[in-house]
Amino acid sequence: MTEAELISACLKNEKNAKKLFFEMYYSKLAFIALRYCKNKVQSEDLLLNGFNSIFNALSNFKNQTELSLEDFSKHELISFLVKEIKNIRNEYYVASTVKATEKKERSYDLFLDNFYVDFNSLNQIILLKSIHELVPSQRLAFNLNVIEGYSLSKISDLLETNEQTVKSNIEKARFNLQKTIEKNLKLYQNEQPV
């Protein structure tokens, strides 16, 4: 089945075509959803709803000649995830504003007690776990800018906020991600048998 036939069949609501489309793009889109969500359960739920959003937007694909079907699907899923995660108000807004009340003293000096992290050979599980630990506003901005390559202005449009807020969230995400990766690496290394 060609790409045009697949789109046409999906627009006609044919179950076999939708199943084929789902099977073709599930694994790639699942990893994207996992990066944006706080855990696997949330990502699976949002991914299934994201496929519905992609199917509903397929009629617009014919007007998008510069994108492949895979890129179109990825863009539609990311737009859907951003809207949905922002709508989870108690997670997105509260987690972005509430301050921790731990009694532990924390140092935010990037050069204090750091050990060298080789990011090129970093375990994907540790990286993904560390991304999940970011607050939602930072996780969204980081994924959109660093991983997807969106510009600050495009991200500010998607998140409906100003560019300075986006830039601030990206900077905070990078700092927090570095500290979280170091923490998770130490835990991982301590759990390994000697």
N, C-alpha and C. Protein backbone atom coordinates (compact mmCIF):
# COMPACT_ATOMS: atom_id res chain seq x y z
N MET A 1 0.85 -1.18 0.00
CA MET A 1 0.00 0.00 0.00
C MET A 1 0.90 1.24 0.00
N THR A 2 0.64 2.16 -0.90
CA THR A 2 1.44 3.39 -0.96
C THR A 2 1.00 4.34 0.14
N GLU A 3 1.80 5.37 0.35
CA GLU A 3 1.49 6.36 1.38
C GLU A 3 0.15 7.04 1.09
N ALA A 4 -0.09 7.40 -0.17
CA ALA A 4 -1.35 8.07 -0.55
C ALA A 4 -2.55 7.14 -0.33
N GLU A 5 -2.39 5.86 -0.67
CA GLU A 5 -3.48 4.89 -0.46
C GLU A 5 -3.75 4.69 1.03
N LEU A 6 -2.67 4.66 1.82
CA LEU A 6 -2.82 4.49 3.26
C LEU A 6 -3.58 5.67 3.87
N ILE A 7 -3.22 6.87 3.48
CA ILE A 7 -3.90 8.07 3.99
C ILE A 7 -5.36 8.06 3.58
N SER A 8 -5.60 7.75 2.31
CA SER A 8 -6.97 7.72 1.81
C SER A 8 -7.82 6.69 2.56
N ALA A 9 -7.24 5.51 2.79
CA ALA A 9 -7.97 4.45 3.52
C ALA A 9 -8.22 4.86 4.97
N CYS A 10 -7.25 5.50 5.59
CA CYS A 10 -7.44 5.96 6.97
C CYS A 10 -8.53 7.02 7.06
N LEU A 11 -8.56 7.91 6.05
CA LEU A 11 -9.60 8.95 6.04
C LEU A 11 -10.98 8.36 5.82
N LYS A 12 -11.03 7.18 5.18
CA LYS A 12 -12.32 6.48 4.99
C LYS A 12 -12.66 5.64 6.21
N ASN A 13 -11.81 5.71 7.23
CA ASN A 13 -12.03 5.02 8.51
C ASN A 13 -11.96 3.49 8.36
N GLU A 14 -11.09 3.02 7.48
CA GLU A 14 -10.91 1.58 7.30
C GLU A 14 -10.01 1.05 8.42
N LYS A 15 -10.50 0.04 9.12
CA LYS A 15 -9.79 -0.49 10.28
C LYS A 15 -8.42 -1.06 9.94
N ASN A 16 -8.32 -1.81 8.84
CA ASN A 16 -7.03 -2.41 8.47
C ASN A 16 -5.98 -1.36 8.16
N ALA A 17 -6.40 -0.26 7.52
CA ALA A 17 -5.46 0.81 7.20
C ALA A 17 -4.98 1.50 8.48
N LYS A 18 -5.91 1.75 9.40
CA LYS A 18 -5.53 2.38 10.67
C LYS A 18 -4.60 1.46 11.47
N LYS A 19 -4.88 0.17 11.40
CA LYS A 19 -4.01 -0.79 12.10
C LYS A 19 -2.61 -0.77 11.50
N LEU A 20 -2.52 -0.75 10.17
CA LEU A 20 -1.22 -0.70 9.49
C LEU A 20 -0.48 0.59 9.84
N PHE A 21 -1.19 1.71 9.81
CA PHE A 21 -0.60 3.00 10.17
C PHE A 21 -0.06 2.95 11.60
N PHE A 22 -0.87 2.41 12.51
CA PHE A 22 -0.49 2.28 13.92
C PHE A 22 0.77 1.44 14.06
N GLU A 23 0.82 0.30 13.38
CA GLU A 23 1.97 -0.59 13.46
C GLU A 23 3.23 0.04 12.85
N MET A 24 3.06 0.83 11.80
CA MET A 24 4.20 1.47 11.15
C MET A 24 4.87 2.51 12.04
N TYR A 25 4.09 3.26 12.78
CA TYR A 25 4.63 4.41 13.50
C TYR A 25 4.62 4.28 15.02
N TYR A 26 4.05 3.20 15.54
CA TYR A 26 3.91 3.09 16.99
C TYR A 26 5.25 3.19 17.73
N SER A 27 6.24 2.41 17.34
CA SER A 27 7.49 2.38 18.12
C SER A 27 8.21 3.72 18.12
N LYS A 28 8.25 4.41 16.98
CA LYS A 28 8.91 5.71 16.93
C LYS A 28 8.16 6.75 17.75
N LEU A 29 6.84 6.75 17.63
CA LEU A 29 6.04 7.74 18.36
C LEU A 29 5.96 7.41 19.85
N ALA A 30 6.05 6.13 20.19
CA ALA A 30 6.01 5.73 21.61
C ALA A 30 7.21 6.29 22.35
N PHE A 31 8.37 6.26 21.72
CA PHE A 31 9.57 6.79 22.38
C PHE A 31 9.46 8.30 22.56
N ILE A 32 8.89 8.98 21.59
CA ILE A 32 8.68 10.43 21.72
C ILE A 32 7.74 10.71 22.88
N ALA A 33 6.63 9.99 22.94
CA ALA A 33 5.65 10.20 24.02
C ALA A 33 6.28 9.92 25.38
N LEU A 34 7.12 8.92 25.46
CA LEU A 34 7.77 8.57 26.73
C LEU A 34 8.67 9.69 27.22
N ARG A 35 9.34 10.38 26.31
CA ARG A 35 10.20 11.50 26.69
C ARG A 35 9.42 12.68 27.24
N TYR A 36 8.22 12.89 26.72
CA TYR A 36 7.44 14.05 27.13
C TYR A 36 6.63 13.82 28.40
N CYS A 37 6.33 12.58 28.70
CA CYS A 37 5.47 12.26 29.84
C CYS A 37 6.30 11.91 31.06
N LYS A 38 5.63 11.89 32.22
CA LYS A 38 6.37 11.63 33.46
C LYS A 38 6.58 10.15 33.73
N ASN A 39 5.81 9.28 33.08
CA ASN A 39 6.00 7.85 33.27
C ASN A 39 5.40 7.09 32.09
N LYS A 40 5.60 5.78 32.09
CA LYS A 40 5.17 4.94 30.96
C LYS A 40 3.65 4.87 30.84
N VAL A 41 2.95 4.81 31.96
CA VAL A 41 1.49 4.71 31.93
C VAL A 41 0.90 5.95 31.29
N GLN A 42 1.38 7.14 31.71
CA GLN A 42 0.88 8.38 31.14
C GLN A 42 1.21 8.46 29.65
N SER A 43 2.40 8.02 29.27
CA SER A 43 2.80 8.10 27.86
C SER A 43 1.95 7.17 26.99
N GLU A 44 1.65 5.98 27.47
CA GLU A 44 0.82 5.05 26.69
C GLU A 44 -0.59 5.59 26.51
N ASP A 45 -1.14 6.16 27.56
CA ASP A 45 -2.48 6.73 27.49
C ASP A 45 -2.52 7.90 26.50
N LEU A 46 -1.56 8.80 26.63
CA LEU A 46 -1.53 9.96 25.74
C LEU A 46 -1.19 9.56 24.31
N LEU A 47 -0.38 8.52 24.13
CA LEU A 47 -0.03 8.08 22.78
C LEU A 47 -1.26 7.56 22.04
N LEU A 48 -2.08 6.77 22.72
CA LEU A 48 -3.29 6.25 22.07
C LEU A 48 -4.22 7.39 21.67
N ASN A 49 -4.37 8.37 22.55
CA ASN A 49 -5.18 9.54 22.20
C ASN A 49 -4.50 10.36 21.12
N GLY A 50 -3.17 10.36 21.13
CA GLY A 50 -2.41 11.07 20.11
C GLY A 50 -2.64 10.49 18.71
N PHE A 51 -2.77 9.18 18.62
CA PHE A 51 -3.06 8.56 17.33
C PHE A 51 -4.42 9.03 16.81
N ASN A 52 -5.39 9.17 17.69
CA ASN A 52 -6.69 9.70 17.26
C ASN A 52 -6.54 11.11 16.71
N SER A 53 -5.72 11.91 17.39
CA SER A 53 -5.46 13.27 16.93
C SER A 53 -4.78 13.27 15.56
N ILE A 54 -3.84 12.36 15.35
CA ILE A 54 -3.16 12.24 14.05
C ILE A 54 -4.15 11.84 12.96
N PHE A 55 -5.01 10.85 13.26
CA PHE A 55 -5.99 10.41 12.27
C PHE A 55 -6.94 11.56 11.90
N ASN A 56 -7.32 12.35 12.90
CA ASN A 56 -8.21 13.49 12.64
C ASN A 56 -7.52 14.57 11.80
N ALA A 57 -6.21 14.67 11.91
CA ALA A 57 -5.46 15.71 11.18
C ALA A 57 -4.97 15.24 9.81
N LEU A 58 -5.17 13.97 9.48
CA LEU A 58 -4.65 13.45 8.21
C LEU A 58 -5.21 14.18 6.99
N SER A 59 -6.41 14.72 7.09
CA SER A 59 -6.97 15.45 5.95
C SER A 59 -6.14 16.69 5.63
N ASN A 60 -5.43 17.22 6.62
CA ASN A 60 -4.56 18.39 6.40
C ASN A 60 -3.22 17.99 5.79
N PHE A 61 -2.90 16.71 5.80
CA PHE A 61 -1.59 16.27 5.31
C PHE A 61 -1.38 16.59 3.84
N LYS A 62 -2.44 16.50 3.05
CA LYS A 62 -2.31 16.76 1.62
C LYS A 62 -1.85 18.20 1.34
N ASN A 63 -2.13 19.11 2.27
CA ASN A 63 -1.69 20.51 2.12
C ASN A 63 -0.25 20.70 2.58
N GLN A 64 0.32 19.72 3.30
CA GLN A 64 1.67 19.81 3.86
C GLN A 64 2.65 19.07 2.96
N THR A 65 2.98 19.62 1.83
CA THR A 65 3.83 18.92 0.87
C THR A 65 5.28 18.83 1.33
N GLU A 66 5.72 19.71 2.24
CA GLU A 66 7.12 19.69 2.65
C GLU A 66 7.43 18.62 3.70
N LEU A 67 6.44 17.98 4.26
CA LEU A 67 6.66 16.98 5.31
C LEU A 67 6.35 15.58 4.78
N SER A 68 7.14 14.61 5.25
CA SER A 68 6.79 13.21 4.98
C SER A 68 5.68 12.82 5.94
N LEU A 69 5.05 11.69 5.69
CA LEU A 69 3.98 11.23 6.57
C LEU A 69 4.52 10.99 7.98
N GLU A 70 5.73 10.47 8.07
CA GLU A 70 6.35 10.23 9.39
C GLU A 70 6.59 11.54 10.13
N ASP A 71 7.12 12.54 9.43
CA ASP A 71 7.37 13.84 10.07
C ASP A 71 6.06 14.53 10.44
N PHE A 72 5.06 14.41 9.58
CA PHE A 72 3.74 14.98 9.87
C PHE A 72 3.16 14.35 11.13
N SER A 73 3.25 13.01 11.22
CA SER A 73 2.73 12.29 12.38
C SER A 73 3.46 12.70 13.65
N LYS A 74 4.78 12.83 13.56
CA LYS A 74 5.59 13.24 14.70
C LYS A 74 5.20 14.65 15.16
N HIS A 75 5.05 15.58 14.20
CA HIS A 75 4.68 16.95 14.53
C HIS A 75 3.30 17.01 15.18
N GLU A 76 2.35 16.28 14.62
CA GLU A 76 0.99 16.26 15.19
C GLU A 76 0.99 15.67 16.60
N LEU A 77 1.76 14.60 16.81
CA LEU A 77 1.82 13.99 18.14
C LEU A 77 2.44 14.95 19.15
N ILE A 78 3.52 15.61 18.78
CA ILE A 78 4.17 16.55 19.70
C ILE A 78 3.22 17.68 20.05
N SER A 79 2.51 18.23 19.06
CA SER A 79 1.53 19.30 19.33
C SER A 79 0.45 18.81 20.29
N PHE A 80 -0.02 17.58 20.05
CA PHE A 80 -1.05 17.00 20.92
C PHE A 80 -0.51 16.82 22.34
N LEU A 81 0.70 16.26 22.47
CA LEU A 81 1.27 16.02 23.80
C LEU A 81 1.45 17.32 24.58
N VAL A 82 1.92 18.35 23.91
CA VAL A 82 2.12 19.64 24.58
C VAL A 82 0.79 20.15 25.13
N LYS A 83 -0.25 20.11 24.30
CA LYS A 83 -1.57 20.59 24.76
C LYS A 83 -2.09 19.75 25.92
N GLU A 84 -1.98 18.43 25.81
CA GLU A 84 -2.50 17.56 26.86
C GLU A 84 -1.74 17.71 28.18
N ILE A 85 -0.42 17.78 28.09
CA ILE A 85 0.36 17.91 29.32
C ILE A 85 0.09 19.25 29.98
N LYS A 86 -0.10 20.29 29.18
CA LYS A 86 -0.45 21.59 29.75
C LYS A 86 -1.83 21.55 30.40
N ASN A 87 -2.72 20.70 29.88
CA ASN A 87 -4.07 20.61 30.44
C ASN A 87 -4.12 19.83 31.75
N ILE A 88 -3.07 19.09 32.03
CA ILE A 88 -3.01 18.39 33.32
C ILE A 88 -2.54 19.44 34.33
N ARG A 89 -3.42 20.34 34.68
CA ARG A 89 -3.06 21.53 35.47
C ARG A 89 -2.37 21.20 36.78
N ASN A 90 -2.88 20.23 37.50
CA ASN A 90 -2.28 19.95 38.80
C ASN A 90 -0.85 19.46 38.66
N GLU A 91 -0.49 18.87 37.51
CA GLU A 91 0.90 18.45 37.31
C GLU A 91 1.73 19.59 36.74
N TYR A 92 1.25 20.20 35.67
CA TYR A 92 2.06 21.18 34.95
C TYR A 92 2.27 22.46 35.74
N TYR A 93 1.19 23.06 36.22
CA TYR A 93 1.32 24.35 36.87
C TYR A 93 1.79 24.25 38.31
N VAL A 94 1.22 23.34 39.07
CA VAL A 94 1.62 23.22 40.47
C VAL A 94 3.06 22.76 40.59
N ALA A 95 3.44 21.76 39.82
CA ALA A 95 4.82 21.25 39.88
C ALA A 95 5.81 22.31 39.44
N SER A 96 5.38 23.26 38.62
CA SER A 96 6.29 24.31 38.16
C SER A 96 6.47 25.41 39.20
N THR A 97 5.53 25.52 40.14
CA THR A 97 5.59 26.65 41.07
C THR A 97 5.87 26.26 42.51
N VAL A 98 5.50 25.05 42.91
CA VAL A 98 5.67 24.64 44.31
C VAL A 98 7.16 24.40 44.59
N LYS A 99 7.61 24.92 45.70
CA LYS A 99 9.02 24.75 46.09
C LYS A 99 9.12 23.60 47.10
N ALA A 100 10.18 22.86 46.98
CA ALA A 100 10.41 21.74 47.90
C ALA A 100 10.70 22.29 49.29
N THR A 101 10.29 21.56 50.32
CA THR A 101 10.51 22.01 51.69
C THR A 101 11.46 21.10 52.43
N GLU A 102 12.36 20.46 51.67
CA GLU A 102 13.33 19.58 52.31
C GLU A 102 14.25 20.39 53.22
N LYS A 103 14.69 19.75 54.29
CA LYS A 103 15.61 20.40 55.21
C LYS A 103 17.06 20.22 54.78
N LYS A 104 17.30 19.32 53.81
CA LYS A 104 18.66 19.09 53.36
C LYS A 104 19.19 20.36 52.71
N GLU A 105 20.47 20.58 52.92
CA GLU A 105 21.10 21.72 52.27
C GLU A 105 21.53 21.29 50.88
N ARG A 106 21.17 22.10 49.89
CA ARG A 106 21.49 21.76 48.52
C ARG A 106 22.38 22.83 47.93
N SER A 107 23.32 22.40 47.14
CA SER A 107 24.20 23.34 46.47
C SER A 107 23.90 23.32 44.98
N TYR A 108 23.76 24.50 44.39
CA TYR A 108 23.48 24.58 42.97
C TYR A 108 24.71 25.04 42.19
N ASP A 109 25.87 24.83 42.76
CA ASP A 109 27.11 25.16 42.06
C ASP A 109 27.41 24.01 41.11
N LEU A 110 27.42 24.31 39.81
CA LEU A 110 27.63 23.26 38.80
C LEU A 110 28.96 22.55 38.94
N PHE A 111 29.96 23.22 39.53
CA PHE A 111 31.30 22.65 39.58
C PHE A 111 31.63 22.03 40.93
N LEU A 112 30.67 21.98 41.82
CA LEU A 112 30.90 21.43 43.14
C LEU A 112 30.53 19.95 43.16
N ASP A 113 31.44 19.10 43.59
CA ASP A 113 31.20 17.66 43.75
C ASP A 113 30.70 16.98 42.48
N ASN A 114 31.11 17.45 41.34
CA ASN A 114 30.71 16.79 40.10
C ASN A 114 31.70 15.67 39.79
N PHE A 115 31.21 14.60 39.21
CA PHE A 115 32.12 13.63 38.66
C PHE A 115 31.86 13.60 37.16
N TYR A 116 32.85 13.21 36.43
CA TYR A 116 32.76 13.28 34.98
C TYR A 116 31.69 12.34 34.46
N VAL A 117 30.81 12.85 33.61
CA VAL A 117 29.77 12.06 32.98
C VAL A 117 30.06 12.03 31.49
N ASP A 118 30.25 10.83 30.95
CA ASP A 118 30.45 10.69 29.52
C ASP A 118 29.07 10.57 28.87
N PHE A 119 28.57 11.69 28.35
CA PHE A 119 27.22 11.72 27.80
C PHE A 119 27.10 10.90 26.52
N ASN A 120 28.21 10.63 25.85
CA ASN A 120 28.17 9.83 24.63
C ASN A 120 27.91 8.36 24.91
N SER A 121 28.30 7.88 26.08
CA SER A 121 28.09 6.47 26.40
C SER A 121 27.09 6.31 27.54
N LEU A 122 26.25 7.30 27.73
CA LEU A 122 25.27 7.28 28.81
C LEU A 122 24.17 6.25 28.53
N ASN A 123 23.84 5.47 29.53
CA ASN A 123 22.79 4.48 29.44
C ASN A 123 21.46 5.18 29.14
N GLN A 124 20.71 4.72 28.14
CA GLN A 124 19.44 5.34 27.77
C GLN A 124 18.43 5.30 28.90
N ILE A 125 18.46 4.25 29.69
CA ILE A 125 17.52 4.12 30.80
C ILE A 125 17.76 5.22 31.83
N ILE A 126 19.03 5.49 32.11
CA ILE A 126 19.36 6.55 33.07
C ILE A 126 18.96 7.91 32.52
N LEU A 127 19.22 8.14 31.24
CA LEU A 127 18.86 9.42 30.63
C LEU A 127 17.34 9.61 30.66
N LEU A 128 16.60 8.59 30.28
CA LEU A 128 15.14 8.69 30.26
C LEU A 128 14.59 8.89 31.67
N LYS A 129 15.13 8.16 32.63
CA LYS A 129 14.70 8.31 34.03
C LYS A 129 14.98 9.73 34.51
N SER A 130 16.11 10.29 34.12
CA SER A 130 16.47 11.64 34.52
C SER A 130 15.56 12.68 33.87
N ILE A 131 15.19 12.46 32.61
CA ILE A 131 14.26 13.37 31.94
C ILE A 131 12.90 13.31 32.61
N HIS A 132 12.47 12.13 33.04
CA HIS A 132 11.18 11.99 33.71
C HIS A 132 11.14 12.77 35.03
N GLU A 133 12.29 12.95 35.66
CA GLU A 133 12.33 13.63 36.95
C GLU A 133 12.28 15.15 36.82
N LEU A 134 12.39 15.68 35.61
CA LEU A 134 12.25 17.12 35.42
C LEU A 134 10.80 17.52 35.65
N VAL A 135 10.58 18.74 36.14
CA VAL A 135 9.20 19.22 36.26
C VAL A 135 8.63 19.38 34.85
N PRO A 136 7.34 19.25 34.68
CA PRO A 136 6.75 19.23 33.33
C PRO A 136 7.11 20.43 32.45
N SER A 137 7.12 21.63 33.01
CA SER A 137 7.44 22.79 32.17
C SER A 137 8.86 22.71 31.63
N GLN A 138 9.78 22.23 32.45
CA GLN A 138 11.17 22.08 32.00
C GLN A 138 11.30 20.92 31.02
N ARG A 139 10.59 19.83 31.29
CA ARG A 139 10.64 18.65 30.41
C ARG A 139 10.13 19.00 29.01
N LEU A 140 9.02 19.75 28.95
CA LEU A 140 8.48 20.14 27.65
C LEU A 140 9.46 21.03 26.89
N ALA A 141 9.94 22.07 27.54
CA ALA A 141 10.85 23.01 26.87
C ALA A 141 12.13 22.32 26.43
N PHE A 142 12.68 21.45 27.28
CA PHE A 142 13.92 20.74 26.96
C PHE A 142 13.73 19.83 25.76
N ASN A 143 12.68 19.02 25.78
CA ASN A 143 12.42 18.10 24.67
C ASN A 143 12.22 18.85 23.36
N LEU A 144 11.42 19.91 23.40
CA LEU A 144 11.12 20.65 22.18
C LEU A 144 12.37 21.31 21.61
N ASN A 145 13.20 21.90 22.47
CA ASN A 145 14.36 22.64 21.99
C ASN A 145 15.55 21.74 21.70
N VAL A 146 15.98 20.99 22.69
CA VAL A 146 17.23 20.23 22.57
C VAL A 146 17.06 18.99 21.70
N ILE A 147 15.98 18.26 21.88
CA ILE A 147 15.82 16.99 21.16
C ILE A 147 15.13 17.18 19.81
N GLU A 148 14.03 17.94 19.80
CA GLU A 148 13.29 18.13 18.54
C GLU A 148 13.87 19.25 17.68
N GLY A 149 14.61 20.18 18.28
CA GLY A 149 15.23 21.26 17.52
C GLY A 149 14.32 22.44 17.22
N TYR A 150 13.23 22.59 17.97
CA TYR A 150 12.34 23.72 17.75
C TYR A 150 13.01 25.00 18.23
N SER A 151 12.71 26.11 17.58
CA SER A 151 13.25 27.40 17.99
C SER A 151 12.50 27.92 19.21
N LEU A 152 13.09 28.90 19.90
CA LEU A 152 12.45 29.46 21.09
C LEU A 152 11.10 30.08 20.74
N SER A 153 11.01 30.75 19.59
CA SER A 153 9.74 31.38 19.21
C SER A 153 8.67 30.34 18.92
N LYS A 154 9.05 29.24 18.26
CA LYS A 154 8.09 28.17 17.97
C LYS A 154 7.60 27.52 19.27
N ILE A 155 8.53 27.31 20.22
CA ILE A 155 8.17 26.71 21.50
C ILE A 155 7.25 27.65 22.28
N SER A 156 7.56 28.93 22.27
CA SER A 156 6.72 29.89 23.01
C SER A 156 5.31 29.93 22.42
N ASP A 157 5.18 29.76 21.10
CA ASP A 157 3.85 29.67 20.49
C ASP A 157 3.11 28.41 20.94
N LEU A 158 3.83 27.27 20.91
CA LEU A 158 3.21 26.00 21.32
C LEU A 158 2.78 26.02 22.79
N LEU A 159 3.63 26.58 23.65
CA LEU A 159 3.35 26.59 25.09
C LEU A 159 2.53 27.80 25.52
N GLU A 160 2.29 28.71 24.59
CA GLU A 160 1.53 29.93 24.86
C GLU A 160 2.14 30.71 26.01
N THR A 161 3.43 30.97 25.88
CA THR A 161 4.17 31.74 26.89
C THR A 161 5.21 32.57 26.17
N ASN A 162 5.95 33.40 26.90
CA ASN A 162 6.96 34.23 26.23
C ASN A 162 8.28 33.49 26.09
N GLU A 163 9.13 34.01 25.22
CA GLU A 163 10.40 33.35 24.92
C GLU A 163 11.34 33.32 26.12
N GLN A 164 11.28 34.34 26.97
CA GLN A 164 12.16 34.38 28.14
C GLN A 164 11.83 33.25 29.11
N THR A 165 10.56 32.96 29.27
CA THR A 165 10.15 31.85 30.14
C THR A 165 10.65 30.53 29.57
N VAL A 166 10.53 30.37 28.26
CA VAL A 166 11.01 29.15 27.60
C VAL A 166 12.51 29.02 27.81
N LYS A 167 13.24 30.09 27.57
CA LYS A 167 14.69 30.07 27.72
C LYS A 167 15.08 29.73 29.16
N SER A 168 14.38 30.32 30.12
CA SER A 168 14.64 30.04 31.53
C SER A 168 14.39 28.57 31.85
N ASN A 169 13.29 28.01 31.34
CA ASN A 169 12.97 26.60 31.59
C ASN A 169 14.01 25.67 30.97
N ILE A 170 14.54 26.04 29.81
CA ILE A 170 15.57 25.21 29.16
C ILE A 170 16.85 25.24 30.00
N GLU A 171 17.23 26.42 30.47
CA GLU A 171 18.44 26.53 31.29
C GLU A 171 18.29 25.75 32.59
N LYS A 172 17.13 25.88 33.24
CA LYS A 172 16.89 25.13 34.47
C LYS A 172 16.89 23.63 34.20
N ALA A 173 16.29 23.23 33.07
CA ALA A 173 16.23 21.81 32.72
C ALA A 173 17.63 21.25 32.51
N ARG A 174 18.49 21.99 31.83
CA ARG A 174 19.86 21.51 31.60
C ARG A 174 20.60 21.34 32.92
N PHE A 175 20.46 22.31 33.80
CA PHE A 175 21.13 22.22 35.10
C PHE A 175 20.58 21.03 35.89
N ASN A 176 19.25 20.96 36.01
CA ASN A 176 18.63 19.88 36.79
C ASN A 176 18.90 18.52 36.16
N LEU A 177 18.93 18.46 34.85
CA LEU A 177 19.20 17.19 34.18
C LEU A 177 20.61 16.71 34.48
N GLN A 178 21.57 17.62 34.45
CA GLN A 178 22.95 17.22 34.76
C GLN A 178 23.04 16.67 36.18
N LYS A 179 22.44 17.36 37.13
CA LYS A 179 22.49 16.90 38.52
C LYS A 179 21.75 15.57 38.69
N THR A 180 20.62 15.42 38.02
CA THR A 180 19.84 14.19 38.14
C THR A 180 20.56 13.02 37.49
N ILE A 181 21.20 13.26 36.36
CA ILE A 181 21.97 12.19 35.70
C ILE A 181 23.10 11.74 36.62
N GLU A 182 23.79 12.69 37.23
CA GLU A 182 24.87 12.32 38.15
C GLU A 182 24.34 11.49 39.31
N LYS A 183 23.22 11.91 39.88
CA LYS A 183 22.62 11.17 40.99
C LYS A 183 22.22 9.77 40.55
N ASN A 184 21.55 9.67 39.40
CA ASN A 184 21.10 8.36 38.92
C ASN A 184 22.27 7.46 38.53
N LEU A 185 23.34 8.05 37.99
CA LEU A 185 24.53 7.26 37.67
C LEU A 185 25.17 6.69 38.94
N LYS A 186 25.25 7.52 39.97
CA LYS A 186 25.82 7.04 41.24
C LYS A 186 24.99 5.89 41.79
N LEU A 187 23.67 6.05 41.76
CA LEU A 187 22.79 4.98 42.24
C LEU A 187 22.95 3.71 41.41
N TYR A 188 23.02 3.87 40.09
CA TYR A 188 23.16 2.73 39.19
C TYR A 188 24.49 2.01 39.44
N GLN A 189 25.56 2.79 39.59
CA GLN A 189 26.88 2.19 39.82
C GLN A 189 26.95 1.48 41.17
N ASN A 190 26.25 2.01 42.17
CA ASN A 190 26.23 1.38 43.49
C ASN A 190 25.42 0.09 43.50
N GLU A 191 24.45 -0.02 42.56
CA GLU A 191 23.62 -1.23 42.50
C GLU A 191 24.27 -2.37 41.73
N GLN A 192 25.29 -2.06 40.93
CA GLN A 192 25.96 -3.09 40.13
C GLN A 192 26.80 -4.01 41.01
N PRO A 193 26.73 -5.32 40.75
CA PRO A 193 27.53 -6.25 41.54
C PRO A 193 29.02 -6.07 41.24
N VAL A 194 29.81 -6.27 42.26
CA VAL A 194 31.25 -6.10 42.12
C VAL A 194 31.92 -7.38 41.71
